[in-house]
């Protein structure tokens, strides 16, 4: 039987991973994205992983994030 990560109840002894699938737009481009989030025992985000496609949109998104951080004085 193949392994499926989609289950109502977490696997015994495995850390749960929360997933968020999103499909926003960046400018005039459609984006496909997936966030995988591991939660610490303190109920805070321990490890986020963000995946975006296609690559051209990822590059545009990184440019936008960089410019916003620069406006905030964080870059």
N, C-alpha and C. Protein backbone atom coordinates (compact mmCIF):
# COMPACT_ATOMS: atom_id res chain seq x y z
N UNK A 1 0.84 -1.18 0.00
CA UNK A 1 0.00 0.00 0.00
C UNK A 1 0.89 1.25 0.00
N UNK A 2 0.67 2.20 -0.91
CA UNK A 2 1.51 3.40 -0.96
C UNK A 2 1.27 4.30 0.25
N UNK A 3 2.32 5.03 0.61
CA UNK A 3 2.23 5.98 1.73
C UNK A 3 1.45 7.21 1.29
N UNK A 4 0.53 7.67 2.09
CA UNK A 4 -0.19 8.91 1.82
C UNK A 4 -0.05 9.83 3.01
N UNK A 5 0.42 11.07 2.80
CA UNK A 5 0.54 12.01 3.91
C UNK A 5 -0.80 12.63 4.30
N UNK A 6 -1.85 12.34 3.54
CA UNK A 6 -3.16 12.92 3.84
C UNK A 6 -3.91 11.98 4.77
N UNK A 7 -4.01 12.38 6.02
CA UNK A 7 -4.70 11.57 7.01
C UNK A 7 -5.42 12.50 7.97
N UNK A 8 -6.50 12.02 8.53
CA UNK A 8 -7.25 12.79 9.52
C UNK A 8 -6.45 12.89 10.81
N UNK A 9 -5.74 11.84 11.15
CA UNK A 9 -4.99 11.76 12.39
C UNK A 9 -3.50 11.64 12.07
N UNK A 10 -2.63 12.40 12.78
CA UNK A 10 -1.20 12.30 12.48
C UNK A 10 -0.66 10.89 12.70
N UNK A 11 0.40 10.56 11.97
CA UNK A 11 1.05 9.27 12.17
C UNK A 11 1.63 9.23 13.57
N UNK A 12 1.51 8.11 14.23
CA UNK A 12 2.07 7.95 15.57
C UNK A 12 3.58 8.16 15.53
N UNK A 13 4.08 9.02 16.40
CA UNK A 13 5.51 9.26 16.49
C UNK A 13 6.07 10.21 15.46
N UNK A 14 5.23 10.78 14.60
CA UNK A 14 5.71 11.73 13.60
C UNK A 14 5.18 13.12 13.93
N UNK A 15 6.02 14.09 13.68
CA UNK A 15 5.64 15.47 13.91
C UNK A 15 4.65 15.92 12.83
N UNK A 16 3.53 16.53 13.23
CA UNK A 16 2.57 16.99 12.22
C UNK A 16 3.12 18.18 11.42
N UNK A 17 2.78 18.23 10.17
CA UNK A 17 3.13 19.35 9.29
C UNK A 17 1.82 19.90 8.75
N UNK A 18 1.64 21.19 8.89
CA UNK A 18 0.45 21.85 8.37
C UNK A 18 0.75 22.39 6.98
N UNK A 19 -0.18 22.27 6.07
CA UNK A 19 0.03 22.72 4.69
C UNK A 19 -1.02 23.74 4.30
N UNK A 20 -0.58 24.74 3.57
CA UNK A 20 -1.47 25.76 3.04
C UNK A 20 -1.16 25.91 1.55
N UNK A 21 -2.14 25.65 0.72
CA UNK A 21 -1.98 25.81 -0.72
C UNK A 21 -2.63 27.12 -1.11
N UNK A 22 -1.91 27.94 -1.90
CA UNK A 22 -2.47 29.23 -2.28
C UNK A 22 -2.23 29.50 -3.75
N UNK A 23 -3.10 30.33 -4.34
CA UNK A 23 -3.00 30.65 -5.76
C UNK A 23 -3.26 32.15 -5.96
N UNK A 24 -2.36 33.00 -5.48
CA UNK A 24 -2.55 34.45 -5.65
C UNK A 24 -2.04 34.93 -7.00
N UNK A 25 -2.07 36.24 -7.20
CA UNK A 25 -1.47 36.86 -8.38
C UNK A 25 -0.37 37.81 -7.94
N UNK A 26 0.70 37.84 -8.70
CA UNK A 26 1.77 38.81 -8.51
C UNK A 26 1.79 39.62 -9.80
N UNK A 27 1.37 40.87 -9.71
CA UNK A 27 1.21 41.67 -10.93
C UNK A 27 0.13 41.02 -11.79
N UNK A 28 0.47 40.69 -13.01
CA UNK A 28 -0.50 40.04 -13.90
C UNK A 28 -0.26 38.54 -14.02
N UNK A 29 0.60 37.98 -13.14
CA UNK A 29 0.96 36.57 -13.20
C UNK A 29 0.23 35.76 -12.15
N UNK A 30 -0.25 34.58 -12.53
CA UNK A 30 -0.84 33.64 -11.59
C UNK A 30 0.28 32.87 -10.90
N UNK A 31 0.11 32.63 -9.60
CA UNK A 31 1.13 31.95 -8.80
C UNK A 31 0.55 30.66 -8.24
N UNK A 32 1.37 29.63 -8.19
CA UNK A 32 1.03 28.41 -7.47
C UNK A 32 1.96 28.32 -6.28
N UNK A 33 1.42 28.18 -5.09
CA UNK A 33 2.28 28.16 -3.92
C UNK A 33 1.85 27.16 -2.88
N UNK A 34 2.81 26.77 -2.04
CA UNK A 34 2.56 25.82 -0.97
C UNK A 34 3.41 26.22 0.23
N UNK A 35 2.79 26.36 1.38
CA UNK A 35 3.49 26.58 2.64
C UNK A 35 3.41 25.30 3.45
N UNK A 36 4.54 24.82 3.95
CA UNK A 36 4.59 23.71 4.89
C UNK A 36 5.07 24.28 6.21
N UNK A 37 4.33 24.04 7.28
CA UNK A 37 4.62 24.68 8.56
C UNK A 37 4.73 23.62 9.65
N UNK A 38 5.86 23.65 10.36
CA UNK A 38 6.06 22.80 11.53
C UNK A 38 5.84 23.67 12.76
N UNK A 39 5.07 23.15 13.70
CA UNK A 39 4.72 23.89 14.91
C UNK A 39 5.52 23.34 16.09
N UNK A 40 6.10 24.25 16.88
CA UNK A 40 6.86 23.86 18.08
C UNK A 40 5.88 23.50 19.20
N UNK A 41 6.39 22.90 20.24
CA UNK A 41 5.55 22.54 21.39
C UNK A 41 4.92 23.76 22.04
N UNK A 42 5.51 24.93 21.84
CA UNK A 42 4.97 26.18 22.38
C UNK A 42 3.85 26.74 21.52
N UNK A 43 3.42 25.99 20.50
CA UNK A 43 2.37 26.39 19.55
C UNK A 43 2.77 27.59 18.69
N UNK A 44 4.05 27.81 18.54
CA UNK A 44 4.55 28.85 17.65
C UNK A 44 5.17 28.18 16.43
N UNK A 45 5.23 28.90 15.33
CA UNK A 45 5.84 28.35 14.12
C UNK A 45 7.32 28.10 14.38
N UNK A 46 7.72 26.85 14.16
CA UNK A 46 9.12 26.47 14.36
C UNK A 46 9.89 26.53 13.05
N UNK A 47 9.26 26.06 11.98
CA UNK A 47 9.96 25.98 10.69
C UNK A 47 8.97 26.14 9.55
N UNK A 48 9.00 27.29 8.86
CA UNK A 48 8.16 27.44 7.67
C UNK A 48 8.96 27.11 6.40
N UNK A 49 8.32 26.48 5.45
CA UNK A 49 8.89 26.26 4.12
C UNK A 49 7.89 26.80 3.11
N UNK A 50 8.35 27.65 2.22
CA UNK A 50 7.47 28.27 1.23
C UNK A 50 7.96 27.86 -0.15
N UNK A 51 7.05 27.35 -0.95
CA UNK A 51 7.37 26.96 -2.32
C UNK A 51 6.46 27.72 -3.27
N UNK A 52 7.05 28.28 -4.33
CA UNK A 52 6.30 29.07 -5.29
C UNK A 52 6.74 28.66 -6.69
N UNK A 53 5.80 28.66 -7.61
CA UNK A 53 6.13 28.38 -9.00
C UNK A 53 5.27 29.22 -9.90
N UNK A 54 5.59 29.52 -11.10
CA UNK A 54 6.83 29.19 -11.79
C UNK A 54 7.99 30.07 -11.32
N UNK A 55 9.19 29.75 -11.77
CA UNK A 55 10.38 30.47 -11.32
C UNK A 55 10.31 31.97 -11.61
N UNK A 56 9.77 32.33 -12.75
CA UNK A 56 9.69 33.75 -13.10
C UNK A 56 8.84 34.51 -12.09
N UNK A 57 7.82 33.87 -11.56
CA UNK A 57 6.99 34.50 -10.54
C UNK A 57 7.75 34.56 -9.21
N UNK A 58 8.49 33.50 -8.91
CA UNK A 58 9.30 33.51 -7.69
C UNK A 58 10.27 34.69 -7.71
N UNK A 59 10.92 34.92 -8.84
CA UNK A 59 11.85 36.03 -8.95
C UNK A 59 11.14 37.37 -8.78
N UNK A 60 9.95 37.52 -9.37
CA UNK A 60 9.18 38.75 -9.21
C UNK A 60 8.75 38.93 -7.76
N UNK A 61 8.35 37.85 -7.12
CA UNK A 61 7.93 37.90 -5.71
C UNK A 61 9.09 38.30 -4.81
N UNK A 62 10.27 37.73 -5.05
CA UNK A 62 11.45 38.09 -4.26
C UNK A 62 11.80 39.56 -4.44
N UNK A 63 11.67 40.07 -5.65
CA UNK A 63 11.92 41.49 -5.89
C UNK A 63 10.94 42.37 -5.13
N UNK A 64 9.68 41.97 -5.11
CA UNK A 64 8.66 42.74 -4.39
C UNK A 64 8.90 42.69 -2.89
N UNK A 65 9.20 41.53 -2.36
CA UNK A 65 9.48 41.41 -0.92
C UNK A 65 10.70 42.27 -0.55
N UNK A 66 11.74 42.21 -1.38
CA UNK A 66 12.93 43.01 -1.12
C UNK A 66 12.64 44.50 -1.11
N UNK A 67 11.84 44.98 -2.08
CA UNK A 67 11.54 46.41 -2.10
C UNK A 67 10.68 46.82 -0.91
N UNK A 68 9.76 45.97 -0.49
CA UNK A 68 8.94 46.30 0.69
C UNK A 68 9.78 46.32 1.96
N UNK A 69 10.70 45.37 2.09
CA UNK A 69 11.59 45.37 3.26
C UNK A 69 12.47 46.61 3.26
N UNK A 70 12.94 47.02 2.09
CA UNK A 70 13.77 48.22 2.00
C UNK A 70 12.99 49.45 2.45
N UNK A 71 11.72 49.55 2.06
CA UNK A 71 10.88 50.68 2.48
C UNK A 71 10.70 50.69 4.00
N UNK A 72 10.68 49.50 4.60
CA UNK A 72 10.52 49.41 6.04
C UNK A 72 11.86 49.59 6.78
N UNK A 73 12.93 49.67 6.01
CA UNK A 73 14.25 49.81 6.62
C UNK A 73 14.81 48.51 7.14
N UNK A 74 14.26 47.39 6.67
CA UNK A 74 14.67 46.08 7.18
C UNK A 74 15.68 45.40 6.26
N UNK A 75 15.95 45.96 5.09
CA UNK A 75 16.88 45.29 4.17
C UNK A 75 18.17 46.08 4.05
